[in-house]
Amino acid sequence: EQLLRHMLDAGRTLQKDDREDTGKREAESAVNPQVFTPQGGQATGRSADRFRPPAWDELRGLSADERRAILEYFRRINAQRP
């Protein structure tokens, strides 16, 4: 086990040395980056929901108490300010 562990460590060391010999890394700026803009409701300000509450179809299989708790949860997290 010790011999195998030493061989694996030596292999990792060699790989590290190979990576360092490839030269200096340089960063490049993005050319024409694509900007993501969300589609759909673009509400802003106090009326905007940060997290979309689940639709009725998603809550249909739950009990009334579970639905109430989930909707209350989303109401609270959307009321918090970032």
Protein backbone atom coordinates (compact mmCIF):
# COMPACT_ATOMS: atom_id res chain seq x y z
CA GLU A 1 0.00 0.00 0.00
CA GLN A 2 2.81 2.41 0.87
CA LEU A 3 4.59 1.71 -2.42
CA LEU A 4 1.39 2.34 -4.38
CA ARG A 5 0.73 5.55 -2.45
CA HIS A 6 4.28 6.78 -3.14
CA MET A 7 3.95 5.96 -6.83
CA LEU A 8 0.66 7.86 -7.06
CA ASP A 9 2.19 10.86 -5.25
CA ALA A 10 5.17 10.79 -7.60
CA GLY A 11 2.83 10.68 -10.61
CA ARG A 12 0.90 13.69 -9.31
CA THR A 13 4.15 15.57 -8.78
CA LEU A 14 5.23 14.85 -12.36
CA GLN A 15 1.88 16.01 -13.69
CA LYS A 16 2.20 19.22 -11.66
CA ASP A 17 5.67 19.82 -13.09
CA ASP A 18 4.36 19.26 -16.64
CA ARG A 19 1.61 21.82 -16.15
CA GLU A 20 4.04 24.42 -14.84
CA ASP A 21 6.32 23.99 -17.87
CA THR A 22 3.61 24.97 -20.35
CA GLY A 23 4.36 28.65 -19.90
CA LYS A 24 2.71 31.63 -18.33
CA ARG A 25 -1.07 31.77 -18.47
CA GLU A 26 -2.67 34.92 -19.76
CA ALA A 27 -6.25 36.11 -19.50
CA GLU A 28 -8.17 37.32 -22.52
CA SER A 29 -11.16 39.62 -22.61
CA ALA A 30 -14.39 38.29 -23.99
CA VAL A 31 -15.22 39.40 -27.51
CA ASN A 32 -18.90 40.18 -28.11
CA PRO A 33 -20.15 38.54 -24.91
CA GLN A 34 -23.75 37.41 -24.97
CA VAL A 35 -25.83 39.15 -22.33
CA PHE A 36 -28.65 37.19 -20.77
CA THR A 37 -31.89 39.10 -20.22
CA PRO A 38 -34.79 37.20 -18.67
CA GLN A 39 -37.98 37.05 -20.69
CA GLY A 40 -41.50 37.38 -19.40
CA GLY A 41 -42.81 39.70 -16.73
CA GLN A 42 -40.36 42.51 -16.18
CA ALA A 43 -41.98 43.91 -13.03
CA THR A 44 -39.66 46.00 -10.92
CA GLY A 45 -39.87 47.64 -7.55
CA ARG A 46 -42.00 46.45 -4.69
CA SER A 47 -44.41 44.48 -6.89
CA ALA A 48 -41.67 42.23 -8.31
CA ASP A 49 -41.41 38.69 -6.89
CA ARG A 50 -37.90 37.43 -6.47
CA PHE A 51 -39.12 33.84 -6.36
CA ARG A 52 -42.15 32.64 -8.30
CA PRO A 53 -44.71 30.95 -6.08
CA PRO A 54 -45.81 27.51 -7.31
CA ALA A 55 -48.86 27.31 -9.56
CA TRP A 56 -52.05 25.51 -8.60
CA ASP A 57 -51.09 22.48 -10.69
CA GLU A 58 -47.90 22.12 -8.65
CA LEU A 59 -49.79 22.36 -5.34
CA ARG A 60 -52.79 20.24 -6.31
CA GLY A 61 -51.61 17.03 -4.64
CA LEU A 62 -51.01 18.70 -1.25
CA SER A 63 -53.36 19.22 1.66
CA ALA A 64 -54.88 22.64 2.33
CA ASP A 65 -52.51 23.22 5.28
CA GLU A 66 -49.46 22.31 3.20
CA ARG A 67 -50.55 24.64 0.38
CA ARG A 68 -51.15 27.45 2.86
CA ALA A 69 -47.71 26.94 4.44
CA ILE A 70 -45.95 26.95 1.06
CA LEU A 71 -47.75 30.08 -0.15
CA GLU A 72 -46.97 31.82 3.15
CA TYR A 73 -43.31 30.85 2.75
CA PHE A 74 -43.13 32.41 -0.72
CA ARG A 75 -44.97 35.51 0.48
CA ARG A 76 -42.37 35.98 3.23
CA ILE A 77 -39.26 35.41 1.11
CA ASN A 78 -40.56 37.74 -1.59
CA ALA A 79 -41.30 40.41 1.04
CA GLN A 80 -37.69 40.38 2.29
CA ARG A 81 -35.37 42.94 0.82
CA PRO A 82 -32.11 41.73 -0.78
